Amino acid sequence: MSVDRYKIGLSVNGTEKIVECDDTYPDVHDWKSAVEFAFRLVKYTHLRKQTNGSPHRPLNEIDPKIDLLFCEDWESEEYKDYDYVHSVPPTIM
């Protein structure tokens, strides 16, 4: 079984960010879901930094402008020797 890795380049308010993941992540199944995962992750971390955990500021004031710069994908060498790699089940917290 092959495991695909993804490197997603994003521009967040004009600053370049790189997110790397693979399809063993619960929400990542292909390049499109990897990009969606990266957008959600960057938006969440930006929100946490801007509010310092406070829920009292309106979300529209702190929503980052996120643009997709690139998405690279390749077969991971890390899992080549394994016959089967089980995906991680989703967890609700």
N, C-alpha and C. Protein backbone atom coordinates (compact mmCIF):
# COMPACT_ATOMS: atom_id res chain seq x y z
N MET A 1 0.85 -1.19 0.00
CA MET A 1 0.00 0.00 0.00
C MET A 1 0.88 1.23 0.00
N SER A 2 0.57 2.18 -0.82
CA SER A 2 1.36 3.40 -0.86
C SER A 2 0.68 4.48 -0.01
N VAL A 3 1.51 5.30 0.59
CA VAL A 3 1.04 6.45 1.36
C VAL A 3 1.54 7.69 0.65
N ASP A 4 0.63 8.58 0.34
CA ASP A 4 0.99 9.82 -0.35
C ASP A 4 1.24 10.94 0.64
N ARG A 5 2.27 11.71 0.39
CA ARG A 5 2.59 12.89 1.21
C ARG A 5 2.24 14.13 0.40
N TYR A 6 1.92 15.20 1.13
CA TYR A 6 1.52 16.46 0.49
C TYR A 6 2.26 17.62 1.14
N LYS A 7 2.69 18.54 0.32
CA LYS A 7 3.29 19.79 0.78
C LYS A 7 2.48 20.91 0.16
N ILE A 8 1.81 21.67 1.02
CA ILE A 8 0.90 22.71 0.57
C ILE A 8 1.47 24.07 0.93
N GLY A 9 1.62 24.93 -0.06
CA GLY A 9 2.09 26.30 0.16
C GLY A 9 0.90 27.24 0.18
N LEU A 10 0.81 28.03 1.24
CA LEU A 10 -0.30 28.98 1.39
C LEU A 10 0.26 30.37 1.66
N SER A 11 -0.47 31.37 1.21
CA SER A 11 -0.17 32.75 1.56
C SER A 11 -1.23 33.17 2.58
N VAL A 12 -0.79 33.51 3.80
CA VAL A 12 -1.70 33.90 4.87
C VAL A 12 -1.45 35.37 5.18
N ASN A 13 -2.38 36.22 4.75
CA ASN A 13 -2.21 37.67 4.89
C ASN A 13 -0.87 38.14 4.32
N GLY A 14 -0.46 37.52 3.20
CA GLY A 14 0.76 37.92 2.53
C GLY A 14 2.02 37.20 3.00
N THR A 15 1.93 36.37 4.03
CA THR A 15 3.07 35.62 4.54
C THR A 15 2.97 34.17 4.08
N GLU A 16 4.06 33.65 3.50
CA GLU A 16 4.04 32.27 3.01
C GLU A 16 4.14 31.28 4.16
N LYS A 17 3.28 30.28 4.14
CA LYS A 17 3.27 29.19 5.12
C LYS A 17 3.30 27.87 4.36
N ILE A 18 3.95 26.88 4.95
CA ILE A 18 4.01 25.54 4.37
C ILE A 18 3.36 24.57 5.35
N VAL A 19 2.45 23.73 4.85
CA VAL A 19 1.84 22.68 5.66
C VAL A 19 2.17 21.36 4.99
N GLU A 20 2.69 20.41 5.77
CA GLU A 20 2.98 19.08 5.25
C GLU A 20 2.12 18.07 5.98
N CYS A 21 1.57 17.11 5.22
CA CYS A 21 0.76 16.05 5.81
C CYS A 21 0.81 14.84 4.89
N ASP A 22 0.21 13.74 5.31
CA ASP A 22 0.10 12.57 4.45
C ASP A 22 -1.29 11.97 4.60
N ASP A 23 -1.59 10.97 3.79
CA ASP A 23 -2.95 10.46 3.81
C ASP A 23 -3.20 9.43 4.92
N THR A 24 -2.34 9.40 5.93
CA THR A 24 -2.66 8.66 7.15
C THR A 24 -3.42 9.56 8.12
N TYR A 25 -3.46 10.88 7.86
CA TYR A 25 -4.26 11.80 8.68
C TYR A 25 -5.74 11.46 8.46
N PRO A 26 -6.57 11.54 9.49
CA PRO A 26 -7.97 11.14 9.35
C PRO A 26 -8.74 11.88 8.25
N ASP A 27 -8.48 13.15 8.03
CA ASP A 27 -9.24 13.93 7.05
C ASP A 27 -8.57 14.04 5.69
N VAL A 28 -7.44 13.39 5.49
CA VAL A 28 -6.69 13.53 4.24
C VAL A 28 -6.76 12.23 3.44
N HIS A 29 -7.34 12.35 2.21
CA HIS A 29 -7.50 11.17 1.35
C HIS A 29 -6.90 11.38 -0.03
N ASP A 30 -6.75 12.65 -0.42
CA ASP A 30 -6.22 12.99 -1.73
C ASP A 30 -5.72 14.44 -1.67
N TRP A 31 -5.25 14.98 -2.80
CA TRP A 31 -4.68 16.34 -2.77
C TRP A 31 -5.71 17.38 -2.36
N LYS A 32 -6.97 17.20 -2.78
CA LYS A 32 -7.99 18.19 -2.46
C LYS A 32 -8.27 18.22 -0.96
N SER A 33 -8.41 17.06 -0.34
CA SER A 33 -8.67 17.02 1.10
C SER A 33 -7.44 17.49 1.88
N ALA A 34 -6.23 17.29 1.33
CA ALA A 34 -5.02 17.79 1.98
C ALA A 34 -5.00 19.32 1.98
N VAL A 35 -5.42 19.94 0.88
CA VAL A 35 -5.49 21.40 0.80
C VAL A 35 -6.55 21.92 1.77
N GLU A 36 -7.71 21.28 1.83
CA GLU A 36 -8.77 21.69 2.76
C GLU A 36 -8.28 21.58 4.21
N PHE A 37 -7.56 20.50 4.53
CA PHE A 37 -6.99 20.32 5.86
C PHE A 37 -6.03 21.47 6.19
N ALA A 38 -5.17 21.81 5.23
CA ALA A 38 -4.20 22.89 5.44
C ALA A 38 -4.90 24.22 5.68
N PHE A 39 -5.95 24.51 4.90
CA PHE A 39 -6.71 25.76 5.09
C PHE A 39 -7.31 25.81 6.49
N ARG A 40 -7.95 24.71 6.91
CA ARG A 40 -8.57 24.69 8.25
C ARG A 40 -7.53 24.83 9.34
N LEU A 41 -6.39 24.17 9.20
CA LEU A 41 -5.33 24.23 10.21
C LEU A 41 -4.77 25.65 10.33
N VAL A 42 -4.48 26.28 9.21
CA VAL A 42 -3.93 27.64 9.22
C VAL A 42 -4.95 28.63 9.78
N LYS A 43 -6.21 28.48 9.38
CA LYS A 43 -7.24 29.38 9.89
C LYS A 43 -7.40 29.23 11.40
N TYR A 44 -7.39 28.00 11.89
CA TYR A 44 -7.52 27.74 13.32
C TYR A 44 -6.34 28.32 14.11
N THR A 45 -5.12 28.08 13.65
CA THR A 45 -3.95 28.58 14.37
C THR A 45 -3.90 30.11 14.33
N HIS A 46 -4.31 30.71 13.21
CA HIS A 46 -4.36 32.18 13.11
C HIS A 46 -5.38 32.73 14.11
N LEU A 47 -6.55 32.11 14.17
CA LEU A 47 -7.59 32.55 15.10
C LEU A 47 -7.10 32.46 16.54
N ARG A 48 -6.45 31.37 16.90
CA ARG A 48 -5.96 31.19 18.27
C ARG A 48 -4.92 32.26 18.62
N LYS A 49 -4.05 32.59 17.67
CA LYS A 49 -3.02 33.61 17.93
C LYS A 49 -3.64 35.00 18.08
N GLN A 50 -4.64 35.30 17.24
CA GLN A 50 -5.24 36.63 17.24
C GLN A 50 -6.10 36.90 18.47
N THR A 51 -6.76 35.87 18.99
CA THR A 51 -7.69 36.08 20.10
C THR A 51 -7.10 35.70 21.45
N ASN A 52 -5.93 35.05 21.43
CA ASN A 52 -5.36 34.52 22.67
C ASN A 52 -6.38 33.68 23.42
N GLY A 53 -7.21 32.96 22.67
CA GLY A 53 -8.21 32.09 23.25
C GLY A 53 -9.50 32.79 23.65
N SER A 54 -9.59 34.12 23.50
CA SER A 54 -10.79 34.86 23.89
C SER A 54 -11.85 34.79 22.79
N PRO A 55 -13.09 34.44 23.13
CA PRO A 55 -14.16 34.35 22.13
C PRO A 55 -14.90 35.66 21.91
N HIS A 56 -14.41 36.79 22.44
CA HIS A 56 -15.17 38.03 22.45
C HIS A 56 -14.97 38.93 21.24
N ARG A 57 -14.04 38.62 20.34
CA ARG A 57 -13.86 39.45 19.15
C ARG A 57 -14.64 38.84 17.99
N PRO A 58 -15.30 39.67 17.18
CA PRO A 58 -16.04 39.14 16.03
C PRO A 58 -15.09 38.41 15.07
N LEU A 59 -15.53 37.25 14.58
CA LEU A 59 -14.68 36.43 13.71
C LEU A 59 -14.33 37.13 12.41
N ASN A 60 -15.23 37.96 11.87
CA ASN A 60 -14.94 38.60 10.59
C ASN A 60 -13.81 39.62 10.69
N GLU A 61 -13.50 40.10 11.89
CA GLU A 61 -12.40 41.05 12.06
C GLU A 61 -11.03 40.35 12.01
N ILE A 62 -11.01 39.05 12.29
CA ILE A 62 -9.73 38.36 12.40
C ILE A 62 -9.56 37.24 11.39
N ASP A 63 -10.52 37.05 10.48
CA ASP A 63 -10.38 36.01 9.46
C ASP A 63 -9.19 36.32 8.57
N PRO A 64 -8.26 35.39 8.43
CA PRO A 64 -7.11 35.64 7.57
C PRO A 64 -7.47 35.50 6.09
N LYS A 65 -6.74 36.19 5.25
CA LYS A 65 -6.87 36.02 3.80
C LYS A 65 -5.89 34.92 3.41
N ILE A 66 -6.42 33.79 2.96
CA ILE A 66 -5.60 32.63 2.64
C ILE A 66 -5.69 32.35 1.15
N ASP A 67 -4.53 32.23 0.50
CA ASP A 67 -4.47 31.88 -0.92
C ASP A 67 -3.60 30.64 -1.09
N LEU A 68 -4.01 29.76 -1.99
CA LEU A 68 -3.23 28.57 -2.31
C LEU A 68 -2.11 28.95 -3.26
N LEU A 69 -0.88 28.63 -2.90
CA LEU A 69 0.27 28.90 -3.77
C LEU A 69 0.65 27.67 -4.58
N PHE A 70 0.69 26.51 -3.93
CA PHE A 70 1.02 25.26 -4.63
C PHE A 70 0.63 24.07 -3.78
N CYS A 71 0.54 22.92 -4.42
CA CYS A 71 0.33 21.65 -3.73
C CYS A 71 1.18 20.60 -4.43
N GLU A 72 2.13 20.05 -3.70
CA GLU A 72 2.98 18.99 -4.23
C GLU A 72 2.56 17.68 -3.57
N ASP A 73 2.58 16.59 -4.34
CA ASP A 73 2.31 15.29 -3.74
C ASP A 73 3.26 14.26 -4.31
N TRP A 74 3.60 13.29 -3.48
CA TRP A 74 4.49 12.22 -3.89
C TRP A 74 4.26 11.01 -3.01
N GLU A 75 4.71 9.87 -3.46
CA GLU A 75 4.60 8.64 -2.67
C GLU A 75 5.68 8.64 -1.60
N SER A 76 5.26 8.41 -0.37
CA SER A 76 6.19 8.45 0.76
C SER A 76 7.11 7.23 0.75
N GLU A 77 8.39 7.48 0.94
CA GLU A 77 9.37 6.40 1.05
C GLU A 77 9.30 5.74 2.43
N GLU A 78 8.81 6.48 3.39
CA GLU A 78 8.78 6.07 4.79
C GLU A 78 7.99 4.77 5.02
N TYR A 79 6.94 4.55 4.24
CA TYR A 79 6.07 3.39 4.45
C TYR A 79 6.22 2.31 3.39
N LYS A 80 7.22 2.40 2.53
CA LYS A 80 7.38 1.46 1.41
C LYS A 80 7.53 0.00 1.83
N ASP A 81 8.15 -0.24 2.99
CA ASP A 81 8.40 -1.62 3.43
C ASP A 81 7.20 -2.28 4.10
N TYR A 82 6.12 -1.54 4.29
CA TYR A 82 4.93 -2.07 4.93
C TYR A 82 3.94 -2.55 3.88
N ASP A 83 3.35 -3.73 4.12
CA ASP A 83 2.34 -4.25 3.20
C ASP A 83 1.03 -3.48 3.29
N TYR A 84 0.69 -3.04 4.51
CA TYR A 84 -0.57 -2.34 4.72
C TYR A 84 -0.40 -1.30 5.81
N VAL A 85 -0.91 -0.12 5.57
CA VAL A 85 -0.90 0.95 6.57
C VAL A 85 -2.35 1.35 6.81
N HIS A 86 -2.80 1.15 8.04
CA HIS A 86 -4.19 1.47 8.38
C HIS A 86 -4.33 2.96 8.61
N SER A 87 -5.37 3.54 8.05
CA SER A 87 -5.60 4.97 8.27
C SER A 87 -6.06 5.20 9.71
N VAL A 88 -5.81 6.39 10.20
CA VAL A 88 -6.17 6.75 11.57
C VAL A 88 -7.67 7.04 11.60
N PRO A 89 -8.41 6.42 12.53
CA PRO A 89 -9.85 6.71 12.58
C PRO A 89 -10.12 8.12 13.11
N PRO A 90 -11.18 8.76 12.63
CA PRO A 90 -11.51 10.11 13.12
C PRO A 90 -11.84 10.06 14.61
N THR A 91 -11.47 11.13 15.31
CA THR A 91 -11.74 11.23 16.74
C THR A 91 -12.48 12.54 17.01
N ILE A 92 -13.52 12.45 17.79
CA ILE A 92 -14.27 13.64 18.18
C ILE A 92 -13.81 14.05 19.56
N MET A 93 -13.40 15.32 19.69
CA MET A 93 -12.93 15.79 21.00
C MET A 93 -13.88 16.81 21.55
